Protein backbone atom coordinates (compact mmCIF):
# COMPACT_ATOMS: atom_id res chain seq x y z
CA MET A 1 -90.03 -57.48 -253.41
CA ASN A 2 -88.52 -57.14 -249.94
CA ILE A 3 -87.16 -53.94 -248.83
CA ALA A 4 -83.98 -53.85 -246.95
CA VAL A 5 -84.30 -51.14 -243.76
CA LEU A 6 -81.11 -49.58 -242.71
CA VAL A 7 -81.70 -49.32 -238.72
CA VAL A 8 -79.47 -46.37 -237.39
CA ARG A 9 -79.70 -45.33 -233.33
CA THR A 10 -77.66 -43.08 -231.41
CA CYS A 11 -77.09 -41.67 -228.24
CA GLY A 12 -80.41 -42.38 -225.93
CA GLY A 13 -82.18 -44.97 -228.57
CA PHE A 14 -82.66 -48.87 -228.23
CA SER A 15 -83.00 -51.40 -231.15
CA SER A 16 -84.96 -54.95 -230.66
CA TYR A 17 -83.83 -55.92 -235.13
CA ASN A 18 -81.74 -58.32 -235.99
CA SER A 19 -79.19 -55.68 -237.71
CA THR A 20 -78.52 -52.34 -235.90
CA TYR A 21 -75.87 -49.52 -236.54
CA PHE A 22 -75.64 -48.15 -233.27
CA THR A 23 -72.90 -44.32 -233.56
CA ASN A 24 -72.19 -41.34 -232.34
CA ALA A 25 -74.20 -38.21 -232.98
CA ASP A 26 -73.72 -36.58 -236.22
CA TYR A 27 -71.19 -39.90 -237.41
CA PRO A 28 -69.76 -39.84 -239.25
CA SER A 29 -68.74 -36.71 -238.03
CA PRO A 30 -66.29 -36.96 -234.39
CA ILE A 31 -67.11 -35.83 -231.37
CA THR A 32 -64.83 -33.74 -228.93
CA ALA A 33 -67.12 -32.99 -226.27
CA PRO A 34 -67.48 -34.98 -223.03
CA THR A 35 -70.58 -37.23 -223.77
CA THR A 36 -72.29 -39.70 -221.96
CA CYS A 37 -74.28 -42.09 -224.52
CA VAL A 38 -76.05 -45.40 -223.49
CA PHE A 39 -77.71 -47.79 -226.20
CA THR A 40 -80.04 -50.14 -225.34
CA ILE A 41 -79.77 -53.74 -226.96
CA VAL A 42 -83.52 -55.17 -226.92
CA ARG A 43 -83.77 -59.33 -227.15
CA ALA A 44 -85.60 -59.55 -230.28
CA THR A 45 -87.43 -62.62 -229.65
CA PRO A 46 -87.49 -65.61 -227.19
CA THR A 47 -85.24 -67.69 -229.21
CA THR A 48 -82.84 -64.86 -229.58
CA CYS A 49 -79.71 -66.08 -227.67
CA GLN A 50 -76.64 -63.64 -228.56
CA VAL A 51 -75.60 -60.70 -230.11
CA ARG A 52 -72.50 -60.49 -232.21
CA ILE A 53 -71.52 -56.22 -231.95
CA ASP A 54 -68.51 -55.13 -234.71
CA PHE A 55 -66.52 -52.08 -233.57
CA LEU A 56 -66.60 -50.94 -237.41
CA ASN A 57 -65.22 -47.50 -236.14
CA PHE A 58 -63.94 -47.25 -232.87
CA VAL A 59 -61.85 -44.53 -231.61
CA LEU A 60 -61.55 -43.55 -227.83
CA ALA A 61 -59.00 -41.63 -225.96
CA GLN A 62 -56.28 -43.85 -224.69
CA PRO A 63 -55.42 -45.32 -221.36
CA ASN A 64 -53.79 -43.73 -218.58
CA ALA A 65 -50.41 -44.54 -218.11
CA THR A 66 -51.24 -47.78 -215.73
CA GLY A 67 -53.46 -49.19 -218.81
CA VAL A 68 -57.00 -47.77 -216.81
CA CYS A 69 -59.45 -46.29 -218.87
CA ASN A 70 -59.84 -43.42 -216.87
CA ALA A 71 -60.70 -40.84 -219.68
CA ASP A 72 -63.04 -42.93 -221.98
CA ALA A 73 -64.19 -46.13 -222.29
CA LEU A 74 -67.12 -48.55 -223.50
CA ILE A 75 -68.77 -50.44 -220.60
CA VAL A 76 -70.96 -53.31 -221.42
CA THR A 77 -74.02 -54.76 -219.05
CA GLY A 78 -76.93 -56.50 -218.31
CA GLY A 79 -75.64 -59.35 -220.33
CA GLY A 80 -74.18 -62.66 -219.72
CA GLY A 81 -70.74 -62.89 -218.58
CA THR A 82 -68.62 -60.37 -218.35
CA VAL A 83 -67.14 -58.16 -220.80
CA PRO A 84 -63.71 -55.91 -219.95
CA VAL A 85 -64.02 -51.79 -219.80
CA ILE A 86 -62.54 -50.69 -223.67
CA CYS A 87 -60.99 -47.65 -224.75
CA GLY A 88 -58.23 -46.78 -227.08
CA ASP A 89 -58.58 -48.23 -230.59
CA ASN A 90 -60.58 -50.95 -231.55
CA THR A 91 -61.87 -50.40 -235.21
CA GLY A 92 -61.80 -54.43 -236.60
CA GLN A 93 -62.25 -55.49 -233.36
CA HIS A 94 -65.50 -57.17 -232.59
CA ILE A 95 -67.40 -59.03 -229.05
CA TYR A 96 -70.00 -61.36 -228.60
CA VAL A 97 -72.05 -60.77 -225.91
CA ASP A 98 -74.97 -63.45 -224.58
CA PHE A 99 -78.45 -62.13 -223.20
CA TYR A 100 -79.03 -63.25 -219.63
CA ASN A 101 -82.74 -64.34 -219.10
CA SER A 102 -84.68 -61.14 -220.08
CA ASN A 103 -82.46 -58.38 -219.51
CA ASN A 104 -82.01 -55.95 -222.38
CA ILE A 105 -77.74 -55.60 -223.25
CA ILE A 106 -76.77 -51.90 -222.24
CA LEU A 107 -74.13 -50.43 -224.38
CA THR A 108 -72.45 -46.93 -222.29
CA ILE A 109 -69.81 -44.66 -224.09
CA THR A 110 -68.38 -42.02 -221.60
CA THR A 111 -66.07 -39.38 -222.86
CA SER A 112 -64.06 -36.42 -221.36
CA ALA A 113 -63.02 -33.30 -222.36
CA GLY A 114 -60.41 -32.55 -224.94
CA ASP A 115 -59.66 -31.96 -228.27
CA LEU A 116 -58.89 -35.84 -229.55
CA SER A 117 -61.97 -36.73 -231.82
CA ARG A 118 -63.62 -39.84 -230.69
CA ILE A 119 -65.93 -41.73 -232.92
CA TRP A 120 -68.02 -45.30 -233.28
CA SER A 121 -69.87 -47.06 -235.53
CA PHE A 122 -71.05 -50.64 -233.93
CA LEU A 123 -72.75 -53.24 -236.35
CA VAL A 124 -75.29 -55.06 -233.53
CA THR A 125 -76.42 -58.43 -235.13
CA GLN A 126 -78.71 -60.77 -232.97
CA ILE A 127 -77.94 -64.34 -233.18
CA ALA A 128 -81.16 -67.07 -232.85
CA CYS A 129 -79.62 -69.87 -229.98
CA ASP A 130 -79.84 -72.44 -232.52
CA CYS A 131 -77.56 -70.55 -235.62
CA PRO A 132 -74.41 -72.64 -236.36
CA THR A 133 -72.36 -69.26 -236.00
CA ARG A 134 -73.71 -68.60 -232.68
CA ALA A 135 -70.16 -68.28 -230.02
CA PRO A 136 -70.18 -70.98 -227.51
CA ALA A 137 -69.79 -69.85 -224.22
CA GLY A 138 -67.19 -68.45 -222.67
CA CYS A 139 -65.79 -66.87 -226.17
CA LEU A 140 -65.68 -63.17 -225.97
CA GLN A 141 -64.43 -63.10 -229.64
CA PHE A 142 -65.09 -65.87 -231.86
CA TYR A 143 -63.48 -67.38 -235.77
CA ASN A 144 -65.06 -69.10 -238.00
CA THR A 145 -62.16 -69.19 -240.62
CA THR A 146 -59.38 -71.80 -241.20
CA THR A 147 -56.91 -68.88 -241.03
CA GLY A 148 -57.30 -65.38 -239.44
CA THR A 149 -55.11 -62.11 -236.85
CA VAL A 150 -56.50 -61.78 -232.97
CA ASN A 151 -55.22 -58.65 -231.44
CA SER A 152 -55.60 -57.71 -227.85
CA PHE A 153 -57.33 -54.34 -226.83
CA ASN A 154 -56.13 -51.48 -228.33
CA TYR A 155 -53.19 -52.92 -229.43
CA GLY A 156 -50.85 -51.02 -230.98
CA VAL A 157 -47.44 -49.00 -231.24
CA GLY A 158 -48.39 -45.50 -231.70
CA SER A 159 -48.07 -42.87 -229.13
CA ASN A 160 -50.60 -42.85 -226.61
CA VAL A 161 -52.77 -40.02 -226.81
CA ILE A 162 -55.27 -38.20 -224.40
CA ASP A 163 -55.38 -35.31 -226.80
CA SER A 164 -52.81 -32.83 -229.03
CA THR A 165 -50.24 -32.18 -225.92
CA THR A 166 -50.86 -35.53 -223.93
CA LEU A 167 -48.49 -38.53 -224.83
CA LEU A 168 -48.59 -41.38 -222.12
CA PRO A 169 -45.27 -42.90 -221.60
CA GLY A 170 -47.06 -46.33 -220.31
CA THR A 171 -48.54 -48.37 -221.53
CA ARG A 172 -51.61 -49.38 -224.39
CA GLN A 173 -52.30 -52.46 -222.71
CA LEU A 174 -55.63 -52.49 -220.77
CA VAL A 175 -56.40 -53.78 -217.39
CA ASN A 176 -58.30 -56.33 -216.02
CA GLN A 177 -58.67 -58.34 -219.57
CA ASN A 178 -59.74 -61.81 -218.62
CA TYR A 179 -61.61 -63.51 -221.80
CA GLY A 180 -61.43 -66.36 -224.49
CA ILE A 181 -60.67 -65.85 -227.97
CA CYS A 182 -62.02 -69.04 -229.69
CA VAL A 183 -61.45 -70.19 -233.27
CA ASN A 184 -64.05 -72.85 -234.56
CA MET A 185 -62.34 -75.90 -235.74
CA LEU A 186 -63.62 -76.44 -239.05
CA PRO A 187 -64.16 -79.99 -240.76
CA GLY A 188 -61.18 -81.68 -241.91
CA TYR A 189 -58.59 -79.79 -239.57
CA CYS A 190 -57.07 -80.99 -236.07
CA SER A 191 -55.15 -78.55 -234.89
CA ILE A 192 -53.98 -75.00 -235.00
CA GLN A 193 -50.83 -73.01 -234.94
CA TRP A 194 -50.25 -69.70 -233.61
CA SER A 195 -47.61 -67.06 -234.68
CA SER A 196 -46.31 -63.35 -234.12
CA ASN A 197 -46.97 -60.29 -235.47
CA GLY A 198 -45.91 -58.17 -232.22
CA PHE A 199 -46.18 -59.40 -228.93
CA MET A 200 -45.08 -57.42 -225.66
CA VAL A 201 -47.12 -58.51 -222.86
CA SER A 202 -45.93 -57.62 -219.35
CA GLY A 203 -42.31 -57.37 -220.52
CA ILE A 204 -39.69 -54.61 -220.59
CA PRO A 205 -37.77 -53.78 -223.96
CA ASN A 206 -34.47 -53.32 -223.77
CA LEU A 207 -34.18 -55.63 -220.59
CA GLY A 208 -33.85 -59.04 -221.97
CA PHE A 209 -37.21 -60.24 -221.50
CA ASP A 210 -37.88 -62.50 -224.21
CA ALA A 211 -40.44 -64.75 -224.99
CA LEU A 212 -41.53 -66.44 -220.95
CA THR A 213 -43.65 -68.93 -220.17
CA ASN A 214 -45.47 -69.89 -217.36
CA GLY A 215 -43.35 -69.41 -213.83
CA ASP A 216 -42.19 -65.74 -215.77
CA CYS A 217 -45.92 -65.15 -216.21
CA PHE A 218 -47.82 -64.09 -212.93
CA THR A 219 -49.86 -61.08 -214.10
CA ASP A 220 -49.98 -60.72 -217.68
CA PHE A 221 -49.90 -63.03 -220.23
CA VAL A 222 -51.72 -65.34 -222.83
CA VAL A 223 -52.92 -68.71 -222.13
CA ILE A 224 -52.40 -71.75 -225.12
CA ALA A 225 -53.21 -75.26 -224.05
CA ASN A 226 -51.19 -78.12 -223.89
CA PRO A 227 -48.58 -76.53 -227.05
CA SER A 228 -45.67 -77.80 -228.54
CA TYR A 229 -43.16 -76.15 -231.26
CA PRO A 230 -43.71 -76.57 -235.13
CA ASN A 231 -40.84 -79.46 -234.57
CA GLY A 232 -43.10 -81.52 -232.42
CA THR A 233 -41.25 -80.58 -228.63
CA PRO A 234 -43.80 -80.01 -226.39
CA VAL A 235 -43.43 -76.58 -224.78
CA ASN A 236 -44.17 -77.63 -221.36
CA ALA A 237 -45.94 -74.67 -220.47
CA ASP A 238 -49.30 -72.75 -221.38
CA ARG A 239 -48.81 -69.20 -220.36
CA PHE A 240 -46.91 -66.71 -222.42
CA CYS A 241 -45.48 -63.05 -221.93
CA GLY A 242 -42.08 -61.01 -221.85
CA THR A 243 -41.40 -59.10 -225.47
CA SER A 244 -41.76 -61.91 -228.21
CA PHE A 245 -43.63 -65.13 -228.90
CA ASN A 246 -42.51 -68.42 -230.29
CA THR A 247 -44.89 -70.16 -232.79
CA VAL A 248 -46.39 -72.55 -231.34
CA THR A 249 -49.11 -75.25 -232.58
CA THR A 250 -51.61 -77.35 -230.25
CA SER A 251 -54.11 -79.88 -231.04
CA LEU A 252 -56.52 -79.87 -227.85
CA LYS A 253 -59.72 -78.63 -228.47
CA PRO A 254 -61.78 -76.43 -228.49
CA PHE A 255 -59.18 -73.94 -230.11
CA VAL A 256 -59.30 -71.02 -227.64
CA LEU A 257 -56.57 -68.76 -226.29
CA TYR A 258 -57.43 -67.00 -222.69
CA VAL A 259 -56.10 -63.25 -222.31
CA VAL A 260 -55.34 -62.28 -219.19
CA THR A 261 -54.14 -58.87 -217.63
CA ASP A 262 -53.87 -57.78 -214.07
CA GLY A 263 -55.35 -53.98 -212.73
CA ASN A 264 -51.98 -52.96 -211.90
CA GLU A 265 -49.29 -52.00 -215.24
CA VAL A 266 -47.61 -49.37 -213.28
CA ASN A 267 -44.44 -51.42 -213.64
CA ASP A 268 -44.81 -52.72 -217.29
CA VAL A 269 -43.32 -50.31 -219.76
CA ALA A 270 -44.55 -49.63 -223.28
CA ASN A 271 -46.47 -52.82 -223.50
CA THR A 272 -48.39 -52.98 -226.83
CA GLY A 273 -50.10 -56.22 -226.15
CA PHE A 274 -50.71 -58.38 -228.78
CA SER A 275 -51.52 -59.48 -232.57
CA LEU A 276 -50.93 -63.25 -233.35
CA SER A 277 -51.99 -65.08 -236.31
CA PHE A 278 -53.48 -68.28 -236.51
CA MET A 279 -53.93 -71.20 -239.04
CA GLN A 280 -56.21 -74.64 -238.46
CA ILE A 281 -53.73 -77.36 -240.05
CA ALA A 282 -55.59 -80.85 -242.22
CA CYS A 283 -55.87 -83.63 -239.89
CA PRO A 284 -53.11 -86.33 -241.11
CA ASN A 285 -54.81 -88.81 -243.81
CA ASN A 286 -57.75 -86.59 -244.31
CA LEU A 287 -59.11 -88.38 -240.84
CA PHE A 288 -61.56 -85.44 -238.93
CA GLY A 289 -60.66 -84.71 -235.52
């Protein structure tokens, strides 16, 4: 009989198991003291190419009023590609990180003083080089479903809280984000539709900065290549920002949405980021794309 082994590691630990939980000390109790917590992901075999890290529970302090993770942060090093610095509320999010040569992947979580409760529980899954669930190059996030919802990191509409006495008037949108969100085109589907559940990216509420495209989007934006409106009219733009998002479709493969924010959120008031739903659209006459 095979017996499943639950592998759990915390600060200072390491693991080369295919599946490992990485948590804060004394999880599920949160922590309030300042800490630097380091976890090392060791490549399981030479034929292991990637890890998926699911943020099962992940709450750190919010960024400061200009979108910088100056109080708490998750920093990923050692892997191929660049993972942006992440903080705030990110429960339910995930990332993919490639192994780079024989290097280990290092997760470092830093927290500062303050009475906000920080908590995290990550599921780290190692992925073989020939595994069909391996994310393509350039995809920090990867979805293998016909429908789903993608959120920017720290997306939300609540107050920005450093601790119980410090509320920030600024952005929840994080600075220096530059990554791809990919959706695997499944058999029988030829295009994808994107629609909004909430969108405020480099916009200023109540000043008429509604759904903006291309020339208006030069600091923070999402990119959807070759989009058209549901009625088939071309958008003639691929960058989207502002305080709303109009539903668009695209048949350009692969299905990728790019996220870009610059290093300056000083004049971006109350940005919440985005929550977008996707739906793959079946090919006409059941012809595969």
